[in-house]
Amino acid sequence: MRSIIYKYSSRFFLTSELTKRLEHKIFLLYPSTKYSVMNRTAECLIRLYLAAFLVLTGLLWFAEFSLYYAILCMIIVYAVVNGKVYGDLERLEIRLLSQLETFISDV
């Protein structure tokens, strides 16, 4: 299932750039095989799509549908998803840097 989500995300024109950026960041943080990086990217994409769906459902639940509100909801979902992606990756980078610091101090 992960490979299917990764494949469609990398080919769809709205999500291909996000998938490439995530894959590049994950490859830098977890240098491993291509398959392993694809699995981690797919896991991250699944969490992002789930969060985007929940935010969009919550926003549309309480309002009547109009074009203005739909565009506004998409902008909010984009901001939330973008913040979540970079927040998670920054937390991971900080954790890896603290591990590097303890390693260098031990050496």
PDB file of N, CA and C in Angstrom:
ATOM      1  N   MET A   1       0.820  -1.183   0.000  1.00  0.00           N
ATOM      2  CA  MET A   1       0.000   0.000   0.000  1.00  0.00           C
ATOM      3  C   MET A   1       0.871   1.257   0.000  1.00  0.00           C
ATOM      4  N   ARG A   2       1.968   1.204   0.735  1.00  0.00           N
ATOM      5  CA  ARG A   2       2.860   2.371   0.790  1.00  0.00           C
ATOM      6  C   ARG A   2       3.418   2.706  -0.577  1.00  0.00           C
ATOM      7  N   SER A   3       3.801   1.668  -1.316  1.00  0.00           N
ATOM      8  CA  SER A   3       4.377   1.920  -2.635  1.00  0.00           C
ATOM      9  C   SER A   3       3.336   2.503  -3.587  1.00  0.00           C
ATOM     10  N   ILE A   4       2.076   2.114  -3.432  1.00  0.00           N
ATOM     11  CA  ILE A   4       1.019   2.666  -4.276  1.00  0.00           C
ATOM     12  C   ILE A   4       0.824   4.151  -3.974  1.00  0.00           C
ATOM     13  N   ILE A   5       0.789   4.491  -2.691  1.00  0.00           N
ATOM     14  CA  ILE A   5       0.625   5.887  -2.297  1.00  0.00           C
ATOM     15  C   ILE A   5       1.823   6.707  -2.762  1.00  0.00           C
ATOM     16  N   TYR A   6       3.009   6.161  -2.595  1.00  0.00           N
ATOM     17  CA  TYR A   6       4.212   6.872  -3.042  1.00  0.00           C
ATOM     18  C   TYR A   6       4.186   7.074  -4.553  1.00  0.00           C
ATOM     19  N   LYS A   7       3.819   6.042  -5.281  1.00  0.00           N
ATOM     20  CA  LYS A   7       3.808   6.115  -6.744  1.00  0.00           C
ATOM     21  C   LYS A   7       2.813   7.172  -7.238  1.00  0.00           C
ATOM     22  N   TYR A   8       1.596   7.150  -6.702  1.00  0.00           N
ATOM     23  CA  TYR A   8       0.600   8.124  -7.145  1.00  0.00           C
ATOM     24  C   TYR A   8       0.927   9.540  -6.671  1.00  0.00           C
ATOM     25  N   SER A   9       1.525   9.666  -5.500  1.00  0.00           N
ATOM     26  CA  SER A   9       1.910  10.996  -5.018  1.00  0.00           C
ATOM     27  C   SER A   9       3.035  11.592  -5.852  1.00  0.00           C
ATOM     28  N   SER A  10       3.946  10.760  -6.277  1.00  0.00           N
ATOM     29  CA  SER A  10       5.061  11.287  -7.069  1.00  0.00           C
ATOM     30  C   SER A  10       4.655  11.594  -8.501  1.00  0.00           C
ATOM     31  N   ARG A  11       3.560  11.018  -8.974  1.00  0.00           N
ATOM     32  CA  ARG A  11       3.116  11.280 -10.343  1.00  0.00           C
ATOM     33  C   ARG A  11       2.046  12.359 -10.438  1.00  0.00           C
ATOM     34  N   PHE A  12       1.297  12.602  -9.371  1.00  0.00           N
ATOM     35  CA  PHE A  12       0.226  13.595  -9.409  1.00  0.00           C
ATOM     36  C   PHE A  12       0.837  14.985  -9.378  1.00  0.00           C
ATOM     37  N   PHE A  13       0.367  15.878 -10.245  1.00  0.00           N
ATOM     38  CA  PHE A  13       1.022  17.166 -10.429  1.00  0.00           C
ATOM     39  C   PHE A  13       0.942  18.070  -9.194  1.00  0.00           C
ATOM     40  N   LEU A  14      -0.064  17.920  -8.345  1.00  0.00           N
ATOM     41  CA  LEU A  14      -0.155  18.765  -7.160  1.00  0.00           C
ATOM     42  C   LEU A  14       0.727  18.287  -6.012  1.00  0.00           C
ATOM     43  N   THR A  15       1.014  17.006  -5.971  1.00  0.00           N
ATOM     44  CA  THR A  15       1.780  16.467  -4.847  1.00  0.00           C
ATOM     45  C   THR A  15       3.184  16.000  -5.228  1.00  0.00           C
ATOM     46  N   SER A  16       3.549  16.089  -6.484  1.00  0.00           N
ATOM     47  CA  SER A  16       4.860  15.562  -6.883  1.00  0.00           C
ATOM     48  C   SER A  16       6.009  16.365  -6.276  1.00  0.00           C
ATOM     49  N   GLU A  17       5.865  17.680  -6.224  1.00  0.00           N
ATOM     50  CA  GLU A  17       6.936  18.511  -5.648  1.00  0.00           C
ATOM     51  C   GLU A  17       7.090  18.250  -4.154  1.00  0.00           C
ATOM     52  N   LEU A  18       5.978  18.114  -3.448  1.00  0.00           N
ATOM     53  CA  LEU A  18       6.022  17.797  -2.016  1.00  0.00           C
ATOM     54  C   LEU A  18       6.688  16.452  -1.783  1.00  0.00           C
ATOM     55  N   THR A  19       6.362  15.476  -2.602  1.00  0.00           N
ATOM     56  CA  THR A  19       6.953  14.149  -2.469  1.00  0.00           C
ATOM     57  C   THR A  19       8.454  14.191  -2.716  1.00  0.00           C
ATOM     58  N   LYS A  20       8.886  14.946  -3.710  1.00  0.00           N
ATOM     59  CA  LYS A  20      10.319  15.054  -4.000  1.00  0.00           C
ATOM     60  C   LYS A  20      11.062  15.734  -2.852  1.00  0.00           C
ATOM     61  N   ARG A  21      10.473  16.807  -2.305  1.00  0.00           N
ATOM     62  CA  ARG A  21      11.126  17.502  -1.185  1.00  0.00           C
ATOM     63  C   ARG A  21      11.218  16.598   0.040  1.00  0.00           C
ATOM     64  N   LEU A  22      10.124  15.883   0.332  1.00  0.00           N
ATOM     65  CA  LEU A  22      10.144  14.974   1.480  1.00  0.00           C
ATOM     66  C   LEU A  22      11.170  13.868   1.290  1.00  0.00           C
ATOM     67  N   GLU A  23      11.201  13.306   0.107  1.00  0.00           N
ATOM     68  CA  GLU A  23      12.142  12.223  -0.155  1.00  0.00           C
ATOM     69  C   GLU A  23      13.585  12.706  -0.020  1.00  0.00           C
ATOM     70  N   HIS A  24      13.855  13.892  -0.511  1.00  0.00           N
ATOM     71  CA  HIS A  24      15.210  14.440  -0.400  1.00  0.00           C
ATOM     72  C   HIS A  24      15.593  14.677   1.063  1.00  0.00           C
ATOM     73  N   LYS A  25      14.678  15.266   1.845  1.00  0.00           N
ATOM     74  CA  LYS A  25      14.963  15.521   3.266  1.00  0.00           C
ATOM     75  C   LYS A  25      15.154  14.216   4.027  1.00  0.00           C
ATOM     76  N   ILE A  26      14.293  13.239   3.759  1.00  0.00           N
ATOM     77  CA  ILE A  26      14.398  11.956   4.456  1.00  0.00           C
ATOM     78  C   ILE A  26      15.669  11.235   4.040  1.00  0.00           C
ATOM     79  N   PHE A  27      16.061  11.350   2.787  1.00  0.00           N
ATOM     80  CA  PHE A  27      17.309  10.734   2.352  1.00  0.00           C
ATOM     81  C   PHE A  27      18.507  11.350   3.057  1.00  0.00           C
ATOM     82  N   LEU A  28      18.469  12.667   3.287  1.00  0.00           N
ATOM     83  CA  LEU A  28      19.568  13.318   3.998  1.00  0.00           C
ATOM     84  C   LEU A  28      19.610  12.906   5.473  1.00  0.00           C
ATOM     85  N   LEU A  29      18.431  12.727   6.077  1.00  0.00           N
ATOM     86  CA  LEU A  29      18.378  12.378   7.488  1.00  0.00           C
ATOM     87  C   LEU A  29      18.600  10.892   7.737  1.00  0.00           C
ATOM     88  N   TYR A  30      18.138  10.058   6.832  1.00  0.00           N
ATOM     89  CA  TYR A  30      18.291   8.606   6.948  1.00  0.00           C
ATOM     90  C   TYR A  30      18.953   8.061   5.689  1.00  0.00           C
ATOM     91  N   PRO A  31      20.245   8.189   5.557  1.00  0.00           N
ATOM     92  CA  PRO A  31      20.896   7.645   4.361  1.00  0.00           C
ATOM     93  C   PRO A  31      20.790   6.120   4.362  1.00  0.00           C
ATOM     94  N   SER A  32      20.038   5.611   3.437  1.00  0.00           N
ATOM     95  CA  SER A  32      19.783   4.183   3.365  1.00  0.00           C
ATOM     96  C   SER A  32      19.477   3.825   1.918  1.00  0.00           C
ATOM     97  N   THR A  33      18.883   2.666   1.724  1.00  0.00           N
ATOM     98  CA  THR A  33      18.534   2.236   0.380  1.00  0.00           C
ATOM     99  C   THR A  33      17.358   3.047  -0.150  1.00  0.00           C
ATOM    100  N   LYS A  34      17.180   3.010  -1.441  1.00  0.00           N
ATOM    101  CA  LYS A  34      16.087   3.743  -2.090  1.00  0.00           C
ATOM    102  C   LYS A  34      14.729   3.241  -1.594  1.00  0.00           C
ATOM    103  N   TYR A  35      14.614   1.926  -1.411  1.00  0.00           N
ATOM    104  CA  TYR A  35      13.355   1.333  -0.949  1.00  0.00           C
ATOM    105  C   TYR A  35      13.006   1.797   0.460  1.00  0.00           C
ATOM    106  N   SER A  36      13.992   1.863   1.332  1.00  0.00           N
ATOM    107  CA  SER A  36      13.775   2.312   2.702  1.00  0.00           C
ATOM    108  C   SER A  36      13.349   3.781   2.744  1.00  0.00           C
ATOM    109  N   VAL A  37      13.976   4.599   1.929  1.00  0.00           N
ATOM    110  CA  VAL A  37      13.622   6.018   1.860  1.00  0.00           C
ATOM    111  C   VAL A  37      12.209   6.175   1.306  1.00  0.00           C
ATOM    112  N   MET A  38      11.848   5.358   0.309  1.00  0.00           N
ATOM    113  CA  MET A  38      10.503   5.414  -0.242  1.00  0.00           C
ATOM    114  C   MET A  38       9.461   5.026   0.803  1.00  0.00           C
ATOM    115  N   ASN A  39       9.769   4.026   1.623  1.00  0.00           N
ATOM    116  CA  ASN A  39       8.833   3.618   2.677  1.00  0.00           C
ATOM    117  C   ASN A  39       8.643   4.714   3.713  1.00  0.00           C
ATOM    118  N   ARG A  40       9.728   5.334   4.132  1.00  0.00           N
ATOM    119  CA  ARG A  40       9.613   6.435   5.102  1.00  0.00           C
ATOM    120  C   ARG A  40       8.859   7.624   4.513  1.00  0.00           C
ATOM    121  N   THR A  41       9.097   7.904   3.251  1.00  0.00           N
ATOM    122  CA  THR A  41       8.383   8.991   2.590  1.00  0.00           C
ATOM    123  C   THR A  41       6.900   8.669   2.493  1.00  0.00           C
ATOM    124  N   ALA A  42       6.576   7.438   2.165  1.00  0.00           N
ATOM    125  CA  ALA A  42       5.172   7.039   2.077  1.00  0.00           C
ATOM    126  C   ALA A  42       4.488   7.115   3.437  1.00  0.00           C
ATOM    127  N   GLU A  43       5.182   6.721   4.504  1.00  0.00           N
ATOM    128  CA  GLU A  43       4.604   6.840   5.849  1.00  0.00           C
ATOM    129  C   GLU A  43       4.313   8.297   6.189  1.00  0.00           C
ATOM    130  N   CYS A  44       5.239   9.155   5.860  1.00  0.00           N
ATOM    131  CA  CYS A  44       5.048  10.585   6.110  1.00  0.00           C
ATOM    132  C   CYS A  44       3.893  11.129   5.272  1.00  0.00           C
ATOM    133  N   LEU A  45       3.792  10.692   4.026  1.00  0.00           N
ATOM    134  CA  LEU A  45       2.700  11.140   3.170  1.00  0.00           C
ATOM    135  C   LEU A  45       1.347  10.657   3.674  1.00  0.00           C
ATOM    136  N   ILE A  46       1.288   9.445   4.173  1.00  0.00           N
ATOM    137  CA  ILE A  46       0.037   8.928   4.720  1.00  0.00           C
ATOM    138  C   ILE A  46      -0.410   9.770   5.905  1.00  0.00           C
ATOM    139  N   ARG A  47       0.520  10.099   6.794  1.00  0.00           N
ATOM    140  CA  ARG A  47       0.164  10.958   7.934  1.00  0.00           C
ATOM    141  C   ARG A  47      -0.278  12.340   7.476  1.00  0.00           C
ATOM    142  N   LEU A  48       0.383  12.883   6.470  1.00  0.00           N
ATOM    143  CA  LEU A  48       0.005  14.200   5.957  1.00  0.00           C
ATOM    144  C   LEU A  48      -1.366  14.191   5.304  1.00  0.00           C
ATOM    145  N   TYR A  49      -1.635  13.174   4.507  1.00  0.00           N
ATOM    146  CA  TYR A  49      -2.944  13.095   3.861  1.00  0.00           C
ATOM    147  C   TYR A  49      -4.054  12.905   4.883  1.00  0.00           C
ATOM    148  N   LEU A  50      -3.785  12.119   5.909  1.00  0.00           N
ATOM    149  CA  LEU A  50      -4.778  11.929   6.965  1.00  0.00           C
ATOM    150  C   LEU A  50      -5.037  13.238   7.713  1.00  0.00           C
ATOM    151  N   ALA A  51      -3.968  13.962   8.036  1.00  0.00           N
ATOM    152  CA  ALA A  51      -4.126  15.250   8.722  1.00  0.00           C
ATOM    153  C   ALA A  51      -4.857  16.254   7.834  1.00  0.00           C
ATOM    154  N   ALA A  52      -4.528  16.281   6.552  1.00  0.00           N
ATOM    155  CA  ALA A  52      -5.199  17.200   5.629  1.00  0.00           C
ATOM    156  C   ALA A  52      -6.680  16.864   5.505  1.00  0.00           C
ATOM    157  N   PHE A  53      -6.984  15.584   5.450  1.00  0.00           N
ATOM    158  CA  PHE A  53      -8.383  15.174   5.361  1.00  0.00           C
ATOM    159  C   PHE A  53      -9.155  15.563   6.611  1.00  0.00           C
ATOM    160  N   LEU A  54      -8.543  15.358   7.777  1.00  0.00           N
ATOM    161  CA  LEU A  54      -9.221  15.715   9.028  1.00  0.00           C
ATOM    162  C   LEU A  54      -9.440  17.222   9.148  1.00  0.00           C
ATOM    163  N   VAL A  55      -8.446  18.012   8.782  1.00  0.00           N
ATOM    164  CA  VAL A  55      -8.581  19.466   8.848  1.00  0.00           C
ATOM    165  C   VAL A  55      -9.639  19.939   7.851  1.00  0.00           C
ATOM    166  N   LEU A  56      -9.593  19.418   6.651  1.00  0.00           N
ATOM    167  CA  LEU A  56     -10.567  19.816   5.637  1.00  0.00           C
ATOM    168  C   LEU A  56     -11.983  19.408   6.028  1.00  0.00           C
ATOM    169  N   THR A  57     -12.139  18.221   6.578  1.00  0.00           N
ATOM    170  CA  THR A  57     -13.457  17.775   7.036  1.00  0.00           C
ATOM    171  C   THR A  57     -13.954  18.656   8.173  1.00  0.00           C
ATOM    172  N   GLY A  58     -13.085  18.981   9.100  1.00  0.00           N
ATOM    173  CA  GLY A  58     -13.473  19.846  10.207  1.00  0.00           C
ATOM    174  C   GLY A  58     -13.867  21.235   9.752  1.00  0.00           C
ATOM    175  N   LEU A  59     -13.157  21.767   8.771  1.00  0.00           N
ATOM    176  CA  LEU A  59     -13.477  23.109   8.271  1.00  0.00           C
ATOM    177  C   LEU A  59     -14.780  23.126   7.476  1.00  0.00           C
ATOM    178  N   LEU A  60     -15.002  22.101   6.680  1.00  0.00           N
ATOM    179  CA  LEU A  60     -16.209  22.068   5.855  1.00  0.00           C
ATOM    180  C   LEU A  60     -17.445  21.600   6.622  1.00  0.00           C
ATOM    181  N   TRP A  61     -17.254  21.014   7.779  1.00  0.00           N
ATOM    182  CA  TRP A  61     -18.366  20.481   8.568  1.00  0.00           C
ATOM    183  C   TRP A  61     -19.310  21.592   9.027  1.00  0.00           C
ATOM    184  N   PHE A  62     -18.775  22.710   9.407  1.00  0.00           N
ATOM    185  CA  PHE A  62     -19.573  23.759  10.029  1.00  0.00           C
ATOM    186  C   PHE A  62     -19.953  24.904   9.095  1.00  0.00           C
ATOM    187  N   ALA A  63     -19.718  24.788   7.816  1.00  0.00           N
ATOM    188  CA  ALA A  63     -19.985  25.922   6.933  1.00  0.00           C
ATOM    189  C   ALA A  63     -20.718  25.446   5.689  1.00  0.00           C
ATOM    190  N   GLU A  64     -21.369  26.370   5.074  1.00  0.00           N
ATOM    191  CA  GLU A  64     -21.994  26.075   3.795  1.00  0.00           C
ATOM    192  C   GLU A  64     -20.928  26.159   2.708  1.00  0.00           C
ATOM    193  N   PHE A  65     -21.126  25.433   1.668  1.00  0.00           N
ATOM    194  CA  PHE A  65     -20.106  25.346   0.632  1.00  0.00           C
ATOM    195  C   PHE A  65     -20.214  26.522  -0.334  1.00  0.00           C
ATOM    196  N   SER A  66     -19.093  27.181  -0.537  1.00  0.00           N
ATOM    197  CA  SER A  66     -18.981  28.228  -1.554  1.00  0.00           C
ATOM    198  C   SER A  66     -17.562  28.187  -2.101  1.00  0.00           C
ATOM    199  N   LEU A  67     -17.358  28.786  -3.221  1.00  0.00           N
ATOM    200  CA  LEU A  67     -16.042  28.769  -3.846  1.00  0.00           C
ATOM    201  C   LEU A  67     -15.017  29.496  -2.990  1.00  0.00           C
ATOM    202  N   TYR A  68     -15.410  30.615  -2.441  1.00  0.00           N
ATOM    203  CA  TYR A  68     -14.511  31.379  -1.573  1.00  0.00           C
ATOM    204  C   TYR A  68     -14.082  30.547  -0.371  1.00  0.00           C
ATOM    205  N   TYR A  69     -15.040  29.899   0.277  1.00  0.00           N
ATOM    206  CA  TYR A  69     -14.729  29.108   1.459  1.00  0.00           C
ATOM    207  C   TYR A  69     -13.888  27.879   1.099  1.00  0.00           C
ATOM    208  N   ALA A  70     -14.124  27.291  -0.059  1.00  0.00           N
ATOM    209  CA  ALA A  70     -13.330  26.138  -0.489  1.00  0.00           C
ATOM    210  C   ALA A  70     -11.874  26.538  -0.722  1.00  0.00           C
ATOM    211  N   ILE A  71     -11.660  27.684  -1.353  1.00  0.00           N
ATOM    212  CA  ILE A  71     -10.290  28.159  -1.595  1.00  0.00           C
ATOM    213  C   ILE A  71      -9.608  28.498  -0.278  1.00  0.00           C
ATOM    214  N   LEU A  72     -10.350  29.117   0.612  1.00  0.00           N
ATOM    215  CA  LEU A  72      -9.808  29.439   1.928  1.00  0.00           C
ATOM    216  C   LEU A  72      -9.441  28.175   2.703  1.00  0.00           C
ATOM    217  N   CYS A  73     -10.279  27.166   2.619  1.00  0.00           N
ATOM    218  CA  CYS A  73      -9.990  25.892   3.291  1.00  0.00           C
ATOM    219  C   CYS A  73      -8.746  25.232   2.717  1.00  0.00           C
ATOM    220  N   MET A  74      -8.578  25.290   1.394  1.00  0.00           N
ATOM    221  CA  MET A  74      -7.391  24.702   0.783  1.00  0.00           C
ATOM    222  C   MET A  74      -6.117  25.433   1.223  1.00  0.00           C
ATOM    223  N   ILE A  75      -6.185  26.736   1.346  1.00  0.00           N
ATOM    224  CA  ILE A  75      -5.024  27.489   1.813  1.00  0.00           C
ATOM    225  C   ILE A  75      -4.695  27.132   3.249  1.00  0.00           C
ATOM    226  N   ILE A  76      -5.699  26.986   4.083  1.00  0.00           N
ATOM    227  CA  ILE A  76      -5.480  26.613   5.483  1.00  0.00           C
ATOM    228  C   ILE A  76      -4.905  25.207   5.580  1.00  0.00           C
ATOM    229  N   VAL A  77      -5.443  24.284   4.789  1.00  0.00           N
ATOM    230  CA  VAL A  77      -4.927  22.908   4.799  1.00  0.00           C
ATOM    231  C   VAL A  77      -3.475  22.894   4.333  1.00  0.00           C
ATOM    232  N   TYR A  78      -3.140  23.660   3.304  1.00  0.00           N
ATOM    233  CA  TYR A  78      -1.764  23.730   2.820  1.00  0.00           C
ATOM    234  C   TYR A  78      -0.834  24.266   3.912  1.00  0.00           C
ATOM    235  N   ALA A  79      -1.279  25.297   4.617  1.00  0.00           N
ATOM    236  CA  ALA A  79      -0.442  25.872   5.673  1.00  0.00           C
ATOM    237  C   ALA A  79      -0.242  24.878   6.818  1.00  0.00           C
ATOM    238  N   VAL A  80      -1.292  24.169   7.192  1.00  0.00           N
ATOM    239  CA  VAL A  80      -1.183  23.196   8.287  1.00  0.00           C
ATOM    240  C   VAL A  80      -0.270  22.039   7.895  1.00  0.00           C
ATOM    241  N   VAL A  81      -0.459  21.525   6.694  1.00  0.00           N
ATOM    242  CA  VAL A  81       0.358  20.395   6.232  1.00  0.00           C
ATOM    243  C   VAL A  81       1.816  20.813   6.083  1.00  0.00           C
ATOM    244  N   ASN A  82       2.054  21.980   5.521  1.00  0.00           N
ATOM    245  CA  ASN A  82       3.426  22.466   5.356  1.00  0.00           C
ATOM    246  C   ASN A  82       4.101  22.671   6.710  1.00  0.00           C
ATOM    247  N   GLY A  83       3.367  23.232   7.655  1.00  0.00           N
ATOM    248  CA  GLY A  83       3.916  23.410   8.998  1.00  0.00           C
ATOM    249  C   GLY A  83       4.209  22.088   9.683  1.00  0.00           C
ATOM    250  N   LYS A  84       3.343  21.112   9.487  1.00  0.00           N
ATOM    251  CA  LYS A  84       3.557  19.805  10.101  1.00  0.00           C
ATOM    252  C   LYS A  84       4.765  19.104   9.499  1.00  0.00           C
ATOM    253  N   VAL A  85       4.911  19.189   8.189  1.00  0.00           N
ATOM    254  CA  VAL A  85       6.055  18.545   7.532  1.00  0.00           C
ATOM    255  C   VAL A  85       7.362  19.128   8.054  1.00  0.00           C
ATOM    256  N   TYR A  86       7.483  20.445   7.996  1.00  0.00           N
ATOM    257  CA  TYR A  86       8.742  21.062   8.401  1.00  0.00           C
ATOM    258  C   TYR A  86       8.950  20.980   9.913  1.00  0.00           C
ATOM    259  N   GLY A  87       7.899  20.995  10.691  1.00  0.00           N
ATOM    260  CA  GLY A  87       8.039  20.833  12.141  1.00  0.00           C
ATOM    261  C   GLY A  87       8.559  19.459  12.508  1.00  0.00           C
ATOM    262  N   ASP A  88       8.003  18.413  11.883  1.00  0.00           N
ATOM    263  CA  ASP A  88       8.469  17.052  12.153  1.00  0.00           C
ATOM    264  C   ASP A  88       9.914  16.855  11.712  1.00  0.00           C
ATOM    265  N   LEU A  89      10.255  17.370  10.539  1.00  0.00           N
ATOM    266  CA  LEU A  89      11.623  17.194  10.051  1.00  0.00           C
ATOM    267  C   LEU A  89      12.624  18.007  10.864  1.00  0.00           C
ATOM    268  N   GLU A  90      12.231  19.186  11.322  1.00  0.00           N
ATOM    269  CA  GLU A  90      13.135  19.979  12.160  1.00  0.00           C
ATOM    270  C   GLU A  90      13.359  19.300  13.506  1.00  0.00           C
ATOM    271  N   ARG A  91      12.304  18.726  14.072  1.00  0.00           N
ATOM    272  CA  ARG A  91      12.465  17.988  15.331  1.00  0.00           C
ATOM    273  C   ARG A  91      13.422  16.821  15.160  1.00  0.00           C
ATOM    274  N   LEU A  92      13.308  16.132  14.041  1.00  0.00           N
ATOM    275  CA  LEU A  92      14.198  15.012  13.764  1.00  0.00           C
ATOM    276  C   LEU A  92      15.634  15.490  13.575  1.00  0.00           C
ATOM    277  N   GLU A  93      15.823  16.605  12.885  1.00  0.00           N
ATOM    278  CA  GLU A  93      17.163  17.158  12.705  1.00  0.00           C
ATOM    279  C   GLU A  93      17.782  17.564  14.033  1.00  0.00           C
ATOM    280  N   ILE A  94      17.005  18.165  14.901  1.00  0.00           N
ATOM    281  CA  ILE A  94      17.507  18.567  16.219  1.00  0.00           C
ATOM    282  C   ILE A  94      17.906  17.349  17.037  1.00  0.00           C
ATOM    283  N   ARG A  95      17.091  16.300  16.963  1.00  0.00           N
ATOM    284  CA  ARG A  95      17.426  15.072  17.685  1.00  0.00           C
ATOM    285  C   ARG A  95      18.718  14.461  17.166  1.00  0.00           C
ATOM    286  N   LEU A  96      18.884  14.434  15.844  1.00  0.00           N
ATOM    287  CA  LEU A  96      20.113  13.890  15.271  1.00  0.00           C
ATOM    288  C   LEU A  96      21.324  14.758  15.601  1.00  0.00           C
ATOM    289  N   LEU A  97      21.147  16.066  15.633  1.00  0.00           N
ATOM    290  CA  LEU A  97      22.260  16.948  15.998  1.00  0.00           C
ATOM    291  C   LEU A  97      22.665  16.768  17.455  1.00  0.00           C
ATOM    292  N   SER A  98      21.698  16.546  18.334  1.00  0.00           N
ATOM    293  CA  SER A  98      22.042  16.306  19.745  1.00  0.00           C
ATOM    294  C   SER A  98      22.751  14.964  19.897  1.00  0.00           C
ATOM    295  N   GLN A  99      22.358  13.974  19.102  1.00  0.00           N
ATOM    296  CA  GLN A  99      23.075  12.698  19.131  1.00  0.00           C
ATOM    297  C   GLN A  99      24.497  12.857  18.604  1.00  0.00           C
ATOM    298  N   LEU A 100      24.663  13.679  17.563  1.00  0.00           N
ATOM    299  CA  LEU A 100      26.001  13.945  17.038  1.00  0.00           C
ATOM    300  C   LEU A 100      26.858  14.655  18.077  1.00  0.00           C
ATOM    301  N   GLU A 101      26.255  15.598  18.794  1.00  0.00           N
ATOM    302  CA  GLU A 101      26.992  16.310  19.829  1.00  0.00           C
ATOM    303  C   GLU A 101      27.469  15.385  20.939  1.00  0.00           C
ATOM    304  N   THR A 102      26.594  14.474  21.375  1.00  0.00           N
ATOM    305  CA  THR A 102      27.021  13.510  22.410  1.00  0.00           C
ATOM    306  C   THR A 102      28.075  12.556  21.860  1.00  0.00           C
ATOM    307  N   PHE A 103      27.974  12.174  20.601  1.00  0.00           N
ATOM    308  CA  PHE A 103      28.980  11.304  20.007  1.00  0.00           C
ATOM    309  C   PHE A 103      30.335  11.988  19.940  1.00  0.00           C
ATOM    310  N   ILE A 104      30.351  13.247  19.519  1.00  0.00           N
ATOM    311  CA  ILE A 104      31.614  13.975  19.413  1.00  0.00           C
ATOM    312  C   ILE A 104      32.203  14.208  20.819  1.00  0.00           C
ATOM    313  N   SER A 105      31.379  14.483  21.787  1.00  0.00           N
ATOM    314  CA  SER A 105      31.904  14.686  23.143  1.00  0.00           C
ATOM    315  C   SER A 105      32.432  13.376  23.727  1.00  0.00           C
ATOM    316  N   ASP A 106      31.843  12.243  23.347  1.00  0.00           N
ATOM    317  CA  ASP A 106      32.354  10.947  23.812  1.00  0.00           C
ATOM    318  C   ASP A 106      33.691  10.596  23.151  1.00  0.00           C
ATOM    319  N   VAL A 107      33.847  10.983  21.915  1.00  0.00           N
ATOM    320  CA  VAL A 107      35.082  10.691  21.190  1.00  0.00           C
ATOM    321  C   VAL A 107      36.174  11.596  21.730  1.00  0.00           C
TER     322      VAL A 107
END
